[in-house]
Amino acid sequence: MTPTDGPAPAPSFLVAVTDQLVGIDIATILRDAHPDAVVVTAPDREAALISVRGGAAPSIAVVSLSPEEARSSALGQALLEIGTRIVLMGHEAELHGEADGFEVLHRPFRTVDLLALLGR
């Protein structure tokens, strides 16, 4: 057995979506599916950026950003710099996100949709 053998580290998530109820739903799904994961929720982009700059390095972020914002906003750039896998939500993301190379959680979604997307 080598030091790299053993269980994979628990995933960590950042959830920063515009609709607070949707954010709570996503966070609950993630906590239920990954009980040992760290799930950070942020009410807005500024709070999410503070979290990331404060040391949180999520492995996956579910964020309300357009593809352009994912590349150009301070939050998007911070997430890209630390290698976070970004999953976009929102109207512009649904229209252009996948064509621009991003993963997109389409609304309405079910638990199985979110978990299947994250399991890829």
N, C-alpha and C. Protein backbone atom coordinates (compact mmCIF):
# COMPACT_ATOMS: atom_id res chain seq x y z
N MET A 1 0.85 -1.18 0.00
CA MET A 1 0.00 0.00 0.00
C MET A 1 0.89 1.24 0.00
N THR A 2 0.61 2.15 -0.87
CA THR A 2 1.39 3.39 -0.95
C THR A 2 0.63 4.52 -0.27
N PRO A 3 1.32 5.62 0.02
CA PRO A 3 0.63 6.73 0.68
C PRO A 3 -0.54 7.29 -0.14
N THR A 4 -0.54 7.07 -1.44
CA THR A 4 -1.64 7.60 -2.25
C THR A 4 -2.82 6.65 -2.31
N ASP A 5 -2.63 5.42 -1.80
CA ASP A 5 -3.76 4.49 -1.76
C ASP A 5 -4.71 4.91 -0.65
N GLY A 6 -5.89 4.38 -0.70
CA GLY A 6 -6.86 4.68 0.33
C GLY A 6 -8.04 5.41 -0.25
N PRO A 7 -8.96 5.78 0.60
CA PRO A 7 -10.16 6.43 0.11
C PRO A 7 -9.85 7.80 -0.50
N ALA A 8 -10.62 8.13 -1.50
CA ALA A 8 -10.48 9.45 -2.12
C ALA A 8 -10.94 10.51 -1.13
N PRO A 9 -10.33 11.68 -1.19
CA PRO A 9 -10.78 12.73 -0.27
C PRO A 9 -12.23 13.12 -0.57
N ALA A 10 -12.90 13.57 0.46
CA ALA A 10 -14.29 13.99 0.31
C ALA A 10 -14.34 15.21 -0.61
N PRO A 11 -15.33 15.27 -1.46
CA PRO A 11 -15.44 16.45 -2.32
C PRO A 11 -15.83 17.68 -1.50
N SER A 12 -15.56 18.82 -2.05
CA SER A 12 -16.01 20.06 -1.42
C SER A 12 -16.77 20.85 -2.47
N PHE A 13 -17.81 21.52 -2.04
CA PHE A 13 -18.70 22.21 -2.96
C PHE A 13 -18.91 23.66 -2.53
N LEU A 14 -19.06 24.51 -3.52
CA LEU A 14 -19.52 25.88 -3.32
C LEU A 14 -20.82 26.02 -4.09
N VAL A 15 -21.85 26.50 -3.42
CA VAL A 15 -23.14 26.73 -4.06
C VAL A 15 -23.44 28.22 -3.94
N ALA A 16 -23.46 28.90 -5.08
CA ALA A 16 -23.74 30.34 -5.11
C ALA A 16 -24.68 30.60 -6.27
N VAL A 17 -25.97 30.40 -6.00
CA VAL A 17 -26.98 30.60 -7.04
C VAL A 17 -27.91 31.73 -6.63
N THR A 18 -28.45 32.40 -7.62
CA THR A 18 -29.28 33.58 -7.40
C THR A 18 -30.51 33.29 -6.56
N ASP A 19 -31.20 32.22 -6.85
CA ASP A 19 -32.42 31.86 -6.12
C ASP A 19 -32.03 31.11 -4.85
N GLN A 20 -32.25 31.75 -3.70
CA GLN A 20 -31.84 31.18 -2.42
C GLN A 20 -32.46 29.81 -2.15
N LEU A 21 -33.73 29.62 -2.52
CA LEU A 21 -34.37 28.32 -2.30
C LEU A 21 -33.74 27.23 -3.15
N VAL A 22 -33.39 27.56 -4.38
CA VAL A 22 -32.70 26.60 -5.23
C VAL A 22 -31.33 26.28 -4.63
N GLY A 23 -30.65 27.28 -4.12
CA GLY A 23 -29.35 27.05 -3.48
C GLY A 23 -29.46 26.12 -2.29
N ILE A 24 -30.48 26.32 -1.48
CA ILE A 24 -30.71 25.45 -0.32
C ILE A 24 -30.99 24.03 -0.79
N ASP A 25 -31.80 23.89 -1.83
CA ASP A 25 -32.12 22.58 -2.38
C ASP A 25 -30.86 21.87 -2.87
N ILE A 26 -30.03 22.58 -3.62
CA ILE A 26 -28.79 21.99 -4.14
C ILE A 26 -27.88 21.58 -2.99
N ALA A 27 -27.71 22.46 -2.01
CA ALA A 27 -26.85 22.14 -0.87
C ALA A 27 -27.35 20.92 -0.11
N THR A 28 -28.66 20.81 0.06
CA THR A 28 -29.24 19.66 0.75
C THR A 28 -28.99 18.37 -0.03
N ILE A 29 -29.17 18.42 -1.33
CA ILE A 29 -28.92 17.25 -2.18
C ILE A 29 -27.46 16.83 -2.05
N LEU A 30 -26.55 17.80 -2.09
CA LEU A 30 -25.12 17.49 -2.00
C LEU A 30 -24.76 16.91 -0.64
N ARG A 31 -25.31 17.46 0.42
CA ARG A 31 -25.03 16.94 1.77
C ARG A 31 -25.58 15.53 1.95
N ASP A 32 -26.76 15.28 1.39
CA ASP A 32 -27.34 13.93 1.49
C ASP A 32 -26.53 12.92 0.70
N ALA A 33 -26.06 13.31 -0.49
CA ALA A 33 -25.31 12.40 -1.35
C ALA A 33 -23.87 12.22 -0.89
N HIS A 34 -23.33 13.23 -0.23
CA HIS A 34 -21.92 13.20 0.21
C HIS A 34 -21.85 13.69 1.66
N PRO A 35 -22.23 12.84 2.62
CA PRO A 35 -22.31 13.27 4.01
C PRO A 35 -21.00 13.79 4.60
N ASP A 36 -19.86 13.37 4.05
CA ASP A 36 -18.58 13.82 4.58
C ASP A 36 -18.02 15.03 3.82
N ALA A 37 -18.76 15.54 2.86
CA ALA A 37 -18.30 16.67 2.06
C ALA A 37 -18.47 17.99 2.79
N VAL A 38 -17.65 18.93 2.40
CA VAL A 38 -17.81 20.31 2.85
C VAL A 38 -18.68 21.01 1.81
N VAL A 39 -19.79 21.58 2.24
CA VAL A 39 -20.69 22.29 1.34
C VAL A 39 -20.83 23.72 1.86
N VAL A 40 -20.30 24.66 1.08
CA VAL A 40 -20.37 26.07 1.45
C VAL A 40 -21.42 26.72 0.56
N THR A 41 -22.34 27.45 1.19
CA THR A 41 -23.33 28.19 0.42
C THR A 41 -23.03 29.68 0.57
N ALA A 42 -23.30 30.40 -0.50
CA ALA A 42 -23.08 31.84 -0.48
C ALA A 42 -24.33 32.51 -1.06
N PRO A 43 -24.81 33.57 -0.43
CA PRO A 43 -26.04 34.22 -0.90
C PRO A 43 -25.85 35.03 -2.18
N ASP A 44 -24.59 35.35 -2.50
CA ASP A 44 -24.33 36.14 -3.71
C ASP A 44 -22.88 35.96 -4.14
N ARG A 45 -22.54 36.55 -5.27
CA ARG A 45 -21.19 36.39 -5.82
C ARG A 45 -20.11 36.96 -4.91
N GLU A 46 -20.41 38.09 -4.29
CA GLU A 46 -19.43 38.72 -3.41
C GLU A 46 -19.08 37.81 -2.24
N ALA A 47 -20.10 37.23 -1.63
CA ALA A 47 -19.87 36.31 -0.51
C ALA A 47 -19.12 35.06 -0.98
N ALA A 48 -19.45 34.59 -2.17
CA ALA A 48 -18.75 33.42 -2.72
C ALA A 48 -17.27 33.75 -2.96
N LEU A 49 -17.00 34.93 -3.49
CA LEU A 49 -15.62 35.33 -3.73
C LEU A 49 -14.85 35.47 -2.42
N ILE A 50 -15.47 36.04 -1.42
CA ILE A 50 -14.83 36.15 -0.11
C ILE A 50 -14.50 34.77 0.43
N SER A 51 -15.42 33.83 0.27
CA SER A 51 -15.19 32.45 0.72
C SER A 51 -13.99 31.83 0.02
N VAL A 52 -13.94 31.99 -1.30
CA VAL A 52 -12.85 31.40 -2.08
C VAL A 52 -11.53 32.07 -1.72
N ARG A 53 -11.52 33.38 -1.65
CA ARG A 53 -10.29 34.11 -1.30
C ARG A 53 -9.87 33.86 0.14
N GLY A 54 -10.83 33.47 0.98
CA GLY A 54 -10.55 33.18 2.38
C GLY A 54 -9.99 31.79 2.61
N GLY A 55 -9.80 31.03 1.56
CA GLY A 55 -9.19 29.73 1.72
C GLY A 55 -10.03 28.55 1.30
N ALA A 56 -11.32 28.76 1.11
CA ALA A 56 -12.14 27.64 0.64
C ALA A 56 -11.73 27.33 -0.80
N ALA A 57 -11.41 26.09 -1.05
CA ALA A 57 -11.01 25.68 -2.40
C ALA A 57 -11.93 24.54 -2.83
N PRO A 58 -13.14 24.88 -3.27
CA PRO A 58 -14.09 23.82 -3.62
C PRO A 58 -13.63 23.02 -4.82
N SER A 59 -13.91 21.74 -4.79
CA SER A 59 -13.60 20.93 -5.97
C SER A 59 -14.63 21.17 -7.06
N ILE A 60 -15.87 21.50 -6.66
CA ILE A 60 -16.94 21.80 -7.61
C ILE A 60 -17.71 23.01 -7.11
N ALA A 61 -18.02 23.93 -8.03
CA ALA A 61 -18.84 25.10 -7.70
C ALA A 61 -20.05 25.12 -8.62
N VAL A 62 -21.22 25.25 -8.03
CA VAL A 62 -22.46 25.43 -8.78
C VAL A 62 -22.83 26.90 -8.60
N VAL A 63 -22.74 27.65 -9.70
CA VAL A 63 -22.86 29.10 -9.60
C VAL A 63 -23.79 29.68 -10.67
N SER A 64 -24.46 30.76 -10.31
CA SER A 64 -25.28 31.50 -11.27
C SER A 64 -24.38 32.49 -12.00
N LEU A 65 -23.81 32.02 -13.08
CA LEU A 65 -22.96 32.85 -13.92
C LEU A 65 -23.24 32.52 -15.37
N SER A 66 -23.13 33.51 -16.23
CA SER A 66 -23.17 33.25 -17.66
C SER A 66 -21.78 32.73 -18.07
N PRO A 67 -21.64 32.15 -19.24
CA PRO A 67 -20.31 31.72 -19.67
C PRO A 67 -19.31 32.87 -19.68
N GLU A 68 -19.74 34.03 -20.14
CA GLU A 68 -18.84 35.19 -20.17
C GLU A 68 -18.41 35.58 -18.76
N GLU A 69 -19.36 35.60 -17.82
CA GLU A 69 -19.04 35.93 -16.43
C GLU A 69 -18.14 34.88 -15.80
N ALA A 70 -18.29 33.63 -16.20
CA ALA A 70 -17.43 32.58 -15.66
C ALA A 70 -15.98 32.81 -16.05
N ARG A 71 -15.77 33.45 -17.19
CA ARG A 71 -14.41 33.73 -17.64
C ARG A 71 -13.89 35.09 -17.15
N SER A 72 -14.79 36.07 -17.03
CA SER A 72 -14.32 37.43 -16.81
C SER A 72 -14.55 37.99 -15.41
N SER A 73 -15.50 37.46 -14.66
CA SER A 73 -15.78 38.01 -13.33
C SER A 73 -14.69 37.59 -12.35
N ALA A 74 -14.60 38.35 -11.27
CA ALA A 74 -13.62 38.03 -10.23
C ALA A 74 -13.87 36.63 -9.66
N LEU A 75 -15.13 36.28 -9.45
CA LEU A 75 -15.46 34.95 -8.92
C LEU A 75 -15.05 33.86 -9.91
N GLY A 76 -15.45 34.02 -11.15
CA GLY A 76 -15.10 33.02 -12.16
C GLY A 76 -13.60 32.84 -12.29
N GLN A 77 -12.87 33.94 -12.32
CA GLN A 77 -11.42 33.86 -12.44
C GLN A 77 -10.79 33.19 -11.23
N ALA A 78 -11.29 33.51 -10.03
CA ALA A 78 -10.76 32.89 -8.81
C ALA A 78 -10.98 31.39 -8.83
N LEU A 79 -12.17 30.96 -9.26
CA LEU A 79 -12.46 29.53 -9.32
C LEU A 79 -11.59 28.83 -10.36
N LEU A 80 -11.42 29.46 -11.52
CA LEU A 80 -10.57 28.87 -12.56
C LEU A 80 -9.12 28.77 -12.10
N GLU A 81 -8.64 29.78 -11.40
CA GLU A 81 -7.25 29.79 -10.93
C GLU A 81 -6.95 28.64 -9.98
N ILE A 82 -7.92 28.28 -9.15
CA ILE A 82 -7.66 27.20 -8.18
C ILE A 82 -8.08 25.83 -8.72
N GLY A 83 -8.52 25.79 -9.97
CA GLY A 83 -8.84 24.52 -10.60
C GLY A 83 -10.18 23.93 -10.23
N THR A 84 -11.10 24.76 -9.80
CA THR A 84 -12.44 24.29 -9.44
C THR A 84 -13.23 23.92 -10.69
N ARG A 85 -13.93 22.84 -10.63
CA ARG A 85 -14.85 22.45 -11.70
C ARG A 85 -16.10 23.32 -11.56
N ILE A 86 -16.44 24.06 -12.60
CA ILE A 86 -17.54 25.02 -12.54
C ILE A 86 -18.76 24.47 -13.27
N VAL A 87 -19.89 24.50 -12.57
CA VAL A 87 -21.18 24.14 -13.15
C VAL A 87 -22.03 25.41 -13.13
N LEU A 88 -22.44 25.84 -14.31
CA LEU A 88 -23.20 27.08 -14.43
C LEU A 88 -24.70 26.84 -14.34
N MET A 89 -25.40 27.88 -13.87
CA MET A 89 -26.86 27.89 -13.84
C MET A 89 -27.33 29.24 -14.34
N GLY A 90 -28.55 29.28 -14.85
CA GLY A 90 -29.15 30.52 -15.26
C GLY A 90 -29.48 30.53 -16.74
N HIS A 91 -30.22 31.53 -17.15
CA HIS A 91 -30.72 31.63 -18.52
C HIS A 91 -29.59 31.64 -19.55
N GLU A 92 -28.63 32.52 -19.39
CA GLU A 92 -27.52 32.62 -20.35
C GLU A 92 -26.69 31.33 -20.36
N ALA A 93 -26.52 30.74 -19.21
CA ALA A 93 -25.78 29.47 -19.13
C ALA A 93 -26.52 28.39 -19.91
N GLU A 94 -27.84 28.34 -19.76
CA GLU A 94 -28.63 27.33 -20.46
C GLU A 94 -28.59 27.54 -21.97
N LEU A 95 -28.52 28.79 -22.40
CA LEU A 95 -28.49 29.08 -23.84
C LEU A 95 -27.12 28.83 -24.47
N HIS A 96 -26.05 29.19 -23.76
CA HIS A 96 -24.72 29.21 -24.39
C HIS A 96 -23.64 28.44 -23.65
N GLY A 97 -23.89 28.02 -22.42
CA GLY A 97 -22.85 27.44 -21.58
C GLY A 97 -22.16 26.23 -22.15
N GLU A 98 -22.94 25.28 -22.60
CA GLU A 98 -22.33 24.05 -23.12
C GLU A 98 -21.58 24.31 -24.42
N ALA A 99 -22.11 25.17 -25.26
CA ALA A 99 -21.41 25.51 -26.51
C ALA A 99 -20.10 26.23 -26.21
N ASP A 100 -20.03 26.90 -25.08
CA ASP A 100 -18.80 27.60 -24.68
C ASP A 100 -17.89 26.73 -23.81
N GLY A 101 -18.23 25.45 -23.68
CA GLY A 101 -17.36 24.51 -22.98
C GLY A 101 -17.60 24.34 -21.50
N PHE A 102 -18.71 24.84 -20.99
CA PHE A 102 -19.02 24.71 -19.58
C PHE A 102 -20.07 23.64 -19.34
N GLU A 103 -20.07 23.11 -18.13
CA GLU A 103 -21.15 22.23 -17.70
C GLU A 103 -22.29 23.12 -17.21
N VAL A 104 -23.52 22.69 -17.47
CA VAL A 104 -24.68 23.49 -17.13
C VAL A 104 -25.71 22.61 -16.44
N LEU A 105 -26.25 23.11 -15.33
CA LEU A 105 -27.37 22.46 -14.67
C LEU A 105 -28.63 23.16 -15.16
N HIS A 106 -29.38 22.46 -16.00
CA HIS A 106 -30.59 23.03 -16.60
C HIS A 106 -31.75 22.96 -15.62
N ARG A 107 -32.59 23.98 -15.66
CA ARG A 107 -33.78 24.04 -14.83
C ARG A 107 -34.99 23.64 -15.67
N PRO A 108 -36.00 23.06 -15.11
CA PRO A 108 -35.99 22.50 -13.75
C PRO A 108 -35.13 21.25 -13.72
N PHE A 109 -34.58 20.96 -12.57
CA PHE A 109 -33.74 19.77 -12.43
C PHE A 109 -34.27 18.93 -11.29
N ARG A 110 -33.92 17.66 -11.36
CA ARG A 110 -34.26 16.72 -10.30
C ARG A 110 -32.97 16.33 -9.60
N THR A 111 -33.09 15.73 -8.44
CA THR A 111 -31.92 15.26 -7.72
C THR A 111 -31.06 14.39 -8.61
N VAL A 112 -31.67 13.47 -9.32
CA VAL A 112 -30.92 12.57 -10.18
C VAL A 112 -30.17 13.33 -11.28
N ASP A 113 -30.73 14.44 -11.77
CA ASP A 113 -30.06 15.24 -12.79
C ASP A 113 -28.79 15.88 -12.24
N LEU A 114 -28.89 16.46 -11.06
CA LEU A 114 -27.73 17.09 -10.43
C LEU A 114 -26.64 16.06 -10.15
N LEU A 115 -27.02 14.94 -9.56
CA LEU A 115 -26.02 13.93 -9.20
C LEU A 115 -25.40 13.30 -10.45
N ALA A 116 -26.18 13.11 -11.51
CA ALA A 116 -25.62 12.55 -12.74
C ALA A 116 -24.62 13.53 -13.36
N LEU A 117 -24.94 14.81 -13.35
CA LEU A 117 -24.04 15.81 -13.90
C LEU A 117 -22.73 15.83 -13.11
N LEU A 118 -22.83 15.81 -11.81
CA LEU A 118 -21.63 15.86 -10.98
C LEU A 118 -20.84 14.57 -11.02
N GLY A 119 -21.51 13.47 -11.35
CA GLY A 119 -20.85 12.17 -11.40
C GLY A 119 -20.07 11.93 -12.69
N ARG A 120 -20.19 12.81 -13.64
CA ARG A 120 -19.47 12.65 -14.91
C ARG A 120 -18.00 12.85 -14.75
